[in-house]
Amino acid sequence: MNFRSDSEVKKPMQMFAAAGLTDIVLLLLIFFLLTSSFVTNFGIRVDIPRAETAAVTEQHFINVTITNDGSFYIMGDLVPRANVAQSIREQNRQHPQATLVVRADRNAIIDDAVHVMNIGKALDLNMMMATERATR
């Protein structure tokens, strides 16, 4: 079904129109230039020297465990509540850069944990509360 007459036959284009293509290329160029400026460097690359000997640093923890019946265990040893401060102070003297780790039972009295944290604060210790990830 040809609706054109023989005099209206169109000839193929002799030239390629690149105006639309250049617009798209320029838009893509602008897009990539703008988005490349959003990339950030998170660090500075430094080539550090190598040492022939290495000093091993050990981090020491003062472990305090509080059970649900109010018992205190410091470094695995049962300690009466009255001697908790003295025992933590002694551990701190042996390891001055130690971190106090408080492991309290879920059903322990919160006052017992606060008592241990107050001792750690008085001794200016770094403190950490040990917890477990909740299961769903």
N, C-alpha and C. Protein backbone atom coordinates (compact mmCIF):
# COMPACT_ATOMS: atom_id res chain seq x y z
N MET A 1 0.81 -1.17 0.00
CA MET A 1 0.00 0.00 0.00
C MET A 1 0.86 1.24 0.00
N ASN A 2 1.05 1.80 -1.08
CA ASN A 2 1.86 2.99 -1.24
C ASN A 2 0.92 4.15 -1.49
N PHE A 3 0.90 5.12 -0.54
CA PHE A 3 -0.01 6.26 -0.66
C PHE A 3 0.64 7.43 -1.36
N ARG A 4 1.92 7.33 -1.63
CA ARG A 4 2.61 8.41 -2.30
C ARG A 4 2.57 8.18 -3.82
N SER A 5 2.59 9.28 -4.45
CA SER A 5 2.68 9.16 -5.91
C SER A 5 4.16 9.04 -6.27
N ASP A 6 4.41 8.72 -7.50
CA ASP A 6 5.79 8.50 -7.93
C ASP A 6 6.63 9.78 -7.85
N SER A 7 6.01 10.94 -7.90
CA SER A 7 6.76 12.19 -7.85
C SER A 7 7.18 12.55 -6.41
N GLU A 8 6.58 11.91 -5.44
CA GLU A 8 6.88 12.23 -4.05
C GLU A 8 7.86 11.25 -3.40
N VAL A 9 8.58 10.53 -4.13
CA VAL A 9 9.53 9.57 -3.59
C VAL A 9 10.65 10.35 -2.91
N LYS A 10 10.90 10.02 -1.67
CA LYS A 10 11.92 10.72 -0.90
C LYS A 10 13.25 10.05 -1.09
N LYS A 11 14.25 10.87 -1.20
CA LYS A 11 15.61 10.37 -1.35
C LYS A 11 16.24 10.24 0.03
N PRO A 12 17.19 9.34 0.18
CA PRO A 12 17.87 9.23 1.48
C PRO A 12 18.67 10.49 1.77
N MET A 13 18.86 10.77 3.09
CA MET A 13 19.60 11.96 3.51
C MET A 13 21.06 11.82 3.12
N GLN A 14 21.59 12.91 2.63
CA GLN A 14 22.98 12.91 2.24
C GLN A 14 23.88 13.24 3.43
N MET A 15 23.36 13.96 4.45
CA MET A 15 24.14 14.37 5.61
C MET A 15 23.56 13.74 6.87
N PHE A 16 24.44 13.52 7.81
CA PHE A 16 24.02 12.98 9.10
C PHE A 16 23.86 14.16 10.07
N ALA A 17 22.74 14.27 10.73
CA ALA A 17 22.50 15.37 11.67
C ALA A 17 23.06 14.96 13.04
N ALA A 18 24.15 15.60 13.42
CA ALA A 18 24.81 15.25 14.67
C ALA A 18 24.45 16.20 15.81
N ALA A 19 23.53 17.11 15.59
CA ALA A 19 23.19 18.10 16.62
C ALA A 19 22.60 17.42 17.86
N GLY A 20 21.73 16.46 17.67
CA GLY A 20 21.13 15.77 18.82
C GLY A 20 22.16 14.94 19.57
N LEU A 21 23.08 14.34 18.85
CA LEU A 21 24.12 13.52 19.47
C LEU A 21 25.08 14.38 20.29
N THR A 22 25.44 15.55 19.83
CA THR A 22 26.35 16.41 20.60
C THR A 22 25.68 16.90 21.87
N ASP A 23 24.39 17.15 21.85
CA ASP A 23 23.68 17.54 23.07
C ASP A 23 23.77 16.44 24.13
N ILE A 24 23.56 15.21 23.71
CA ILE A 24 23.61 14.09 24.64
C ILE A 24 25.02 13.91 25.19
N VAL A 25 26.02 14.02 24.34
CA VAL A 25 27.41 13.87 24.78
C VAL A 25 27.77 14.97 25.78
N LEU A 26 27.37 16.19 25.53
CA LEU A 26 27.65 17.29 26.46
C LEU A 26 26.94 17.09 27.80
N LEU A 27 25.70 16.62 27.78
CA LEU A 27 24.99 16.35 29.03
C LEU A 27 25.68 15.25 29.83
N LEU A 28 26.12 14.19 29.14
CA LEU A 28 26.84 13.12 29.84
C LEU A 28 28.16 13.62 30.41
N LEU A 29 28.86 14.47 29.66
CA LEU A 29 30.12 15.02 30.13
C LEU A 29 29.91 15.85 31.39
N ILE A 30 28.90 16.69 31.40
CA ILE A 30 28.59 17.50 32.59
C ILE A 30 28.21 16.61 33.76
N PHE A 31 27.41 15.58 33.52
CA PHE A 31 27.01 14.65 34.58
C PHE A 31 28.22 13.98 35.22
N PHE A 32 29.12 13.46 34.41
CA PHE A 32 30.29 12.77 34.95
C PHE A 32 31.25 13.73 35.64
N LEU A 33 31.38 14.95 35.15
CA LEU A 33 32.23 15.92 35.82
C LEU A 33 31.68 16.29 37.19
N LEU A 34 30.37 16.45 37.30
CA LEU A 34 29.77 16.79 38.59
C LEU A 34 29.84 15.63 39.58
N THR A 35 29.55 14.43 39.12
CA THR A 35 29.54 13.30 40.05
C THR A 35 30.95 12.89 40.46
N SER A 36 31.94 13.16 39.65
CA SER A 36 33.30 12.80 40.04
C SER A 36 33.81 13.68 41.17
N SER A 37 33.24 14.88 41.33
CA SER A 37 33.66 15.74 42.44
C SER A 37 33.09 15.27 43.77
N PHE A 38 32.10 14.39 43.77
CA PHE A 38 31.53 13.87 45.01
C PHE A 38 32.35 12.74 45.60
N VAL A 39 33.28 12.18 44.88
CA VAL A 39 34.11 11.10 45.38
C VAL A 39 35.11 11.69 46.37
N THR A 40 35.15 11.12 47.58
CA THR A 40 36.04 11.64 48.60
C THR A 40 37.14 10.63 48.89
N ASN A 41 38.28 11.14 49.29
CA ASN A 41 39.38 10.29 49.74
C ASN A 41 39.27 10.18 51.24
N PHE A 42 39.23 8.96 51.75
CA PHE A 42 39.07 8.75 53.17
C PHE A 42 40.38 8.67 53.91
N GLY A 43 41.47 8.78 53.27
CA GLY A 43 42.75 8.72 53.96
C GLY A 43 43.86 9.23 53.08
N ILE A 44 44.96 9.42 53.70
CA ILE A 44 46.15 9.86 52.99
C ILE A 44 47.09 8.67 52.90
N ARG A 45 47.53 8.36 51.71
CA ARG A 45 48.43 7.23 51.50
C ARG A 45 49.83 7.63 51.95
N VAL A 46 50.34 6.87 52.92
CA VAL A 46 51.66 7.14 53.46
C VAL A 46 52.44 5.84 53.43
N ASP A 47 53.65 5.91 52.94
CA ASP A 47 54.53 4.75 52.92
C ASP A 47 55.38 4.80 54.18
N ILE A 48 54.99 4.00 55.20
CA ILE A 48 55.69 4.06 56.47
C ILE A 48 56.93 3.18 56.44
N PRO A 49 57.95 3.55 57.21
CA PRO A 49 59.17 2.74 57.21
C PRO A 49 58.97 1.44 57.98
N ARG A 50 59.80 0.47 57.69
CA ARG A 50 59.74 -0.82 58.36
C ARG A 50 60.79 -0.87 59.46
N ALA A 51 60.41 -1.47 60.60
CA ALA A 51 61.34 -1.60 61.72
C ALA A 51 61.88 -3.02 61.75
N GLU A 52 63.08 -3.16 62.23
CA GLU A 52 63.67 -4.49 62.33
C GLU A 52 63.16 -5.24 63.54
N THR A 53 62.81 -4.53 64.59
CA THR A 53 62.23 -5.16 65.77
C THR A 53 60.89 -4.49 66.03
N ALA A 54 59.99 -5.24 66.59
CA ALA A 54 58.67 -4.70 66.87
C ALA A 54 58.36 -4.88 68.34
N ALA A 55 57.78 -3.87 68.93
CA ALA A 55 57.36 -3.96 70.32
C ALA A 55 55.93 -4.48 70.35
N VAL A 56 55.71 -5.51 71.11
CA VAL A 56 54.39 -6.10 71.21
C VAL A 56 53.64 -5.40 72.34
N THR A 57 52.49 -4.85 72.00
CA THR A 57 51.68 -4.20 73.03
C THR A 57 50.49 -5.09 73.32
N GLU A 58 50.33 -5.39 74.58
CA GLU A 58 49.21 -6.21 75.00
C GLU A 58 48.23 -5.33 75.73
N GLN A 59 46.98 -5.46 75.38
CA GLN A 59 45.96 -4.72 76.08
C GLN A 59 45.43 -5.61 77.19
N HIS A 60 45.42 -5.08 78.39
CA HIS A 60 44.99 -5.86 79.54
C HIS A 60 43.59 -5.41 79.95
N PHE A 61 42.77 -6.36 80.34
CA PHE A 61 41.42 -6.08 80.79
C PHE A 61 41.27 -6.50 82.24
N ILE A 62 40.58 -5.69 83.02
CA ILE A 62 40.19 -6.06 84.37
C ILE A 62 38.74 -6.52 84.27
N ASN A 63 38.54 -7.82 84.36
CA ASN A 63 37.20 -8.40 84.18
C ASN A 63 36.48 -8.47 85.52
N VAL A 64 35.32 -7.84 85.59
CA VAL A 64 34.47 -7.89 86.76
C VAL A 64 33.15 -8.51 86.33
N THR A 65 32.80 -9.62 86.96
CA THR A 65 31.56 -10.32 86.65
C THR A 65 30.62 -10.20 87.83
N ILE A 66 29.39 -9.82 87.55
CA ILE A 66 28.37 -9.69 88.60
C ILE A 66 27.27 -10.70 88.29
N THR A 67 27.02 -11.59 89.23
CA THR A 67 25.99 -12.62 89.03
C THR A 67 24.64 -12.10 89.50
N ASN A 68 23.59 -12.88 89.21
CA ASN A 68 22.25 -12.44 89.58
C ASN A 68 22.00 -12.50 91.09
N ASP A 69 22.82 -13.25 91.83
CA ASP A 69 22.66 -13.29 93.28
C ASP A 69 23.52 -12.26 94.00
N GLY A 70 24.20 -11.38 93.27
CA GLY A 70 24.97 -10.29 93.87
C GLY A 70 26.41 -10.64 94.16
N SER A 71 26.94 -11.72 93.60
CA SER A 71 28.34 -12.08 93.81
C SER A 71 29.21 -11.35 92.81
N PHE A 72 30.41 -10.97 93.26
CA PHE A 72 31.38 -10.27 92.41
C PHE A 72 32.56 -11.19 92.16
N TYR A 73 32.93 -11.33 90.89
CA TYR A 73 34.11 -12.09 90.50
C TYR A 73 35.04 -11.14 89.77
N ILE A 74 36.25 -10.97 90.31
CA ILE A 74 37.23 -10.10 89.66
C ILE A 74 38.36 -10.99 89.17
N MET A 75 38.54 -10.97 87.88
CA MET A 75 39.53 -11.82 87.19
C MET A 75 39.31 -13.29 87.54
N GLY A 76 38.04 -13.67 87.71
CA GLY A 76 37.68 -15.06 87.97
C GLY A 76 37.65 -15.45 89.43
N ASP A 77 38.08 -14.57 90.32
CA ASP A 77 38.10 -14.89 91.75
C ASP A 77 36.93 -14.23 92.45
N LEU A 78 36.25 -14.97 93.32
CA LEU A 78 35.13 -14.45 94.11
C LEU A 78 35.66 -13.44 95.11
N VAL A 79 35.07 -12.24 95.10
CA VAL A 79 35.49 -11.15 95.99
C VAL A 79 34.26 -10.62 96.70
N PRO A 80 34.31 -10.42 98.02
CA PRO A 80 33.17 -9.82 98.72
C PRO A 80 32.96 -8.37 98.27
N ARG A 81 31.74 -7.89 98.38
CA ARG A 81 31.40 -6.53 97.92
C ARG A 81 32.28 -5.50 98.61
N ALA A 82 32.63 -5.70 99.84
CA ALA A 82 33.44 -4.73 100.58
C ALA A 82 34.86 -4.63 100.04
N ASN A 83 35.35 -5.66 99.38
CA ASN A 83 36.74 -5.68 98.88
C ASN A 83 36.84 -5.44 97.37
N VAL A 84 35.73 -5.12 96.72
CA VAL A 84 35.74 -4.93 95.26
C VAL A 84 36.66 -3.77 94.89
N ALA A 85 36.55 -2.65 95.56
CA ALA A 85 37.36 -1.47 95.23
C ALA A 85 38.84 -1.76 95.42
N GLN A 86 39.17 -2.43 96.52
CA GLN A 86 40.57 -2.76 96.78
C GLN A 86 41.13 -3.69 95.72
N SER A 87 40.35 -4.68 95.30
CA SER A 87 40.81 -5.64 94.31
C SER A 87 41.00 -4.97 92.94
N ILE A 88 40.07 -4.09 92.56
CA ILE A 88 40.20 -3.38 91.27
C ILE A 88 41.40 -2.44 91.32
N ARG A 89 41.60 -1.77 92.44
CA ARG A 89 42.75 -0.87 92.59
C ARG A 89 44.07 -1.65 92.46
N GLU A 90 44.11 -2.84 93.04
CA GLU A 90 45.31 -3.67 92.95
C GLU A 90 45.58 -4.10 91.50
N GLN A 91 44.53 -4.49 90.78
CA GLN A 91 44.69 -4.84 89.37
C GLN A 91 45.15 -3.64 88.55
N ASN A 92 44.65 -2.45 88.92
CA ASN A 92 45.03 -1.24 88.20
C ASN A 92 46.50 -0.89 88.46
N ARG A 93 46.99 -1.16 89.64
CA ARG A 93 48.40 -0.92 89.93
C ARG A 93 49.30 -1.83 89.10
N GLN A 94 48.86 -3.07 88.92
CA GLN A 94 49.66 -4.03 88.15
C GLN A 94 49.64 -3.70 86.66
N HIS A 95 48.52 -3.20 86.17
CA HIS A 95 48.36 -2.87 84.74
C HIS A 95 47.71 -1.49 84.64
N PRO A 96 48.52 -0.42 84.62
CA PRO A 96 47.96 0.94 84.66
C PRO A 96 47.10 1.32 83.46
N GLN A 97 47.33 0.74 82.30
CA GLN A 97 46.57 1.10 81.10
C GLN A 97 45.42 0.14 80.84
N ALA A 98 44.99 -0.58 81.85
CA ALA A 98 43.97 -1.61 81.67
C ALA A 98 42.59 -0.99 81.47
N THR A 99 41.71 -1.76 80.85
CA THR A 99 40.32 -1.37 80.64
C THR A 99 39.44 -2.22 81.55
N LEU A 100 38.51 -1.58 82.23
CA LEU A 100 37.59 -2.27 83.12
C LEU A 100 36.41 -2.80 82.30
N VAL A 101 36.23 -4.10 82.32
CA VAL A 101 35.13 -4.73 81.58
C VAL A 101 34.13 -5.26 82.60
N VAL A 102 32.91 -4.74 82.56
CA VAL A 102 31.86 -5.14 83.49
C VAL A 102 30.93 -6.11 82.76
N ARG A 103 30.82 -7.32 83.31
CA ARG A 103 29.92 -8.33 82.77
C ARG A 103 28.88 -8.62 83.83
N ALA A 104 27.71 -8.02 83.67
CA ALA A 104 26.65 -8.19 84.66
C ALA A 104 25.58 -9.12 84.10
N ASP A 105 25.07 -9.99 84.96
CA ASP A 105 23.97 -10.87 84.58
C ASP A 105 22.74 -10.03 84.27
N ARG A 106 21.90 -10.53 83.38
CA ARG A 106 20.70 -9.83 82.98
C ARG A 106 19.80 -9.53 84.19
N ASN A 107 19.76 -10.43 85.15
CA ASN A 107 18.90 -10.27 86.31
C ASN A 107 19.64 -9.71 87.52
N ALA A 108 20.87 -9.23 87.34
CA ALA A 108 21.63 -8.64 88.44
C ALA A 108 21.03 -7.29 88.82
N ILE A 109 21.29 -6.90 90.05
CA ILE A 109 20.80 -5.60 90.53
C ILE A 109 21.66 -4.51 89.88
N ILE A 110 20.99 -3.51 89.34
CA ILE A 110 21.70 -2.45 88.62
C ILE A 110 22.64 -1.68 89.56
N ASP A 111 22.31 -1.62 90.83
CA ASP A 111 23.14 -0.92 91.80
C ASP A 111 24.53 -1.56 91.90
N ASP A 112 24.61 -2.88 91.73
CA ASP A 112 25.92 -3.55 91.78
C ASP A 112 26.79 -3.12 90.61
N ALA A 113 26.21 -3.03 89.43
CA ALA A 113 26.97 -2.60 88.26
C ALA A 113 27.38 -1.14 88.39
N VAL A 114 26.50 -0.30 88.92
CA VAL A 114 26.84 1.12 89.12
C VAL A 114 27.95 1.26 90.15
N HIS A 115 27.94 0.41 91.18
CA HIS A 115 29.00 0.42 92.19
C HIS A 115 30.37 0.16 91.55
N VAL A 116 30.44 -0.83 90.68
CA VAL A 116 31.70 -1.15 90.00
C VAL A 116 32.10 -0.02 89.06
N MET A 117 31.14 0.57 88.35
CA MET A 117 31.45 1.67 87.42
C MET A 117 31.93 2.91 88.18
N ASN A 118 31.37 3.16 89.36
CA ASN A 118 31.84 4.29 90.16
C ASN A 118 33.29 4.09 90.61
N ILE A 119 33.65 2.86 90.94
CA ILE A 119 35.03 2.56 91.31
C ILE A 119 35.95 2.81 90.11
N GLY A 120 35.53 2.35 88.93
CA GLY A 120 36.32 2.58 87.72
C GLY A 120 36.47 4.05 87.40
N LYS A 121 35.40 4.82 87.60
CA LYS A 121 35.46 6.26 87.36
C LYS A 121 36.40 6.94 88.34
N ALA A 122 36.37 6.51 89.61
CA ALA A 122 37.26 7.10 90.62
C ALA A 122 38.72 6.80 90.31
N LEU A 123 38.99 5.64 89.72
CA LEU A 123 40.36 5.27 89.37
C LEU A 123 40.75 5.77 87.97
N ASP A 124 39.83 6.46 87.30
CA ASP A 124 40.04 7.00 85.95
C ASP A 124 40.40 5.90 84.96
N LEU A 125 39.65 4.81 85.00
CA LEU A 125 39.84 3.69 84.09
C LEU A 125 38.94 3.82 82.87
N ASN A 126 39.38 3.29 81.76
CA ASN A 126 38.49 3.12 80.61
C ASN A 126 37.54 1.99 80.96
N MET A 127 36.26 2.16 80.67
CA MET A 127 35.28 1.14 81.05
C MET A 127 34.51 0.66 79.83
N MET A 128 34.08 -0.59 79.93
CA MET A 128 33.32 -1.22 78.86
C MET A 128 32.29 -2.14 79.50
N MET A 129 31.08 -2.15 78.97
CA MET A 129 30.03 -3.04 79.46
C MET A 129 29.86 -4.15 78.45
N ALA A 130 30.06 -5.39 78.87
CA ALA A 130 29.95 -6.53 77.96
C ALA A 130 28.48 -6.90 77.82
N THR A 131 28.02 -7.04 76.58
CA THR A 131 26.64 -7.43 76.29
C THR A 131 26.65 -8.49 75.19
N GLU A 132 25.49 -9.07 74.96
CA GLU A 132 25.33 -10.02 73.86
C GLU A 132 24.32 -9.44 72.89
N ARG A 133 24.46 -9.81 71.63
CA ARG A 133 23.53 -9.37 70.61
C ARG A 133 22.20 -10.08 70.83
N ALA A 134 21.13 -9.31 70.75
CA ALA A 134 19.80 -9.87 70.96
C ALA A 134 19.43 -10.76 69.78
N THR A 135 18.78 -11.87 70.06
CA THR A 135 18.28 -12.76 69.02
C THR A 135 16.83 -12.44 68.76
N ARG A 136 16.45 -12.47 67.51
CA ARG A 136 15.06 -12.10 67.17
C ARG A 136 14.31 -13.30 66.72
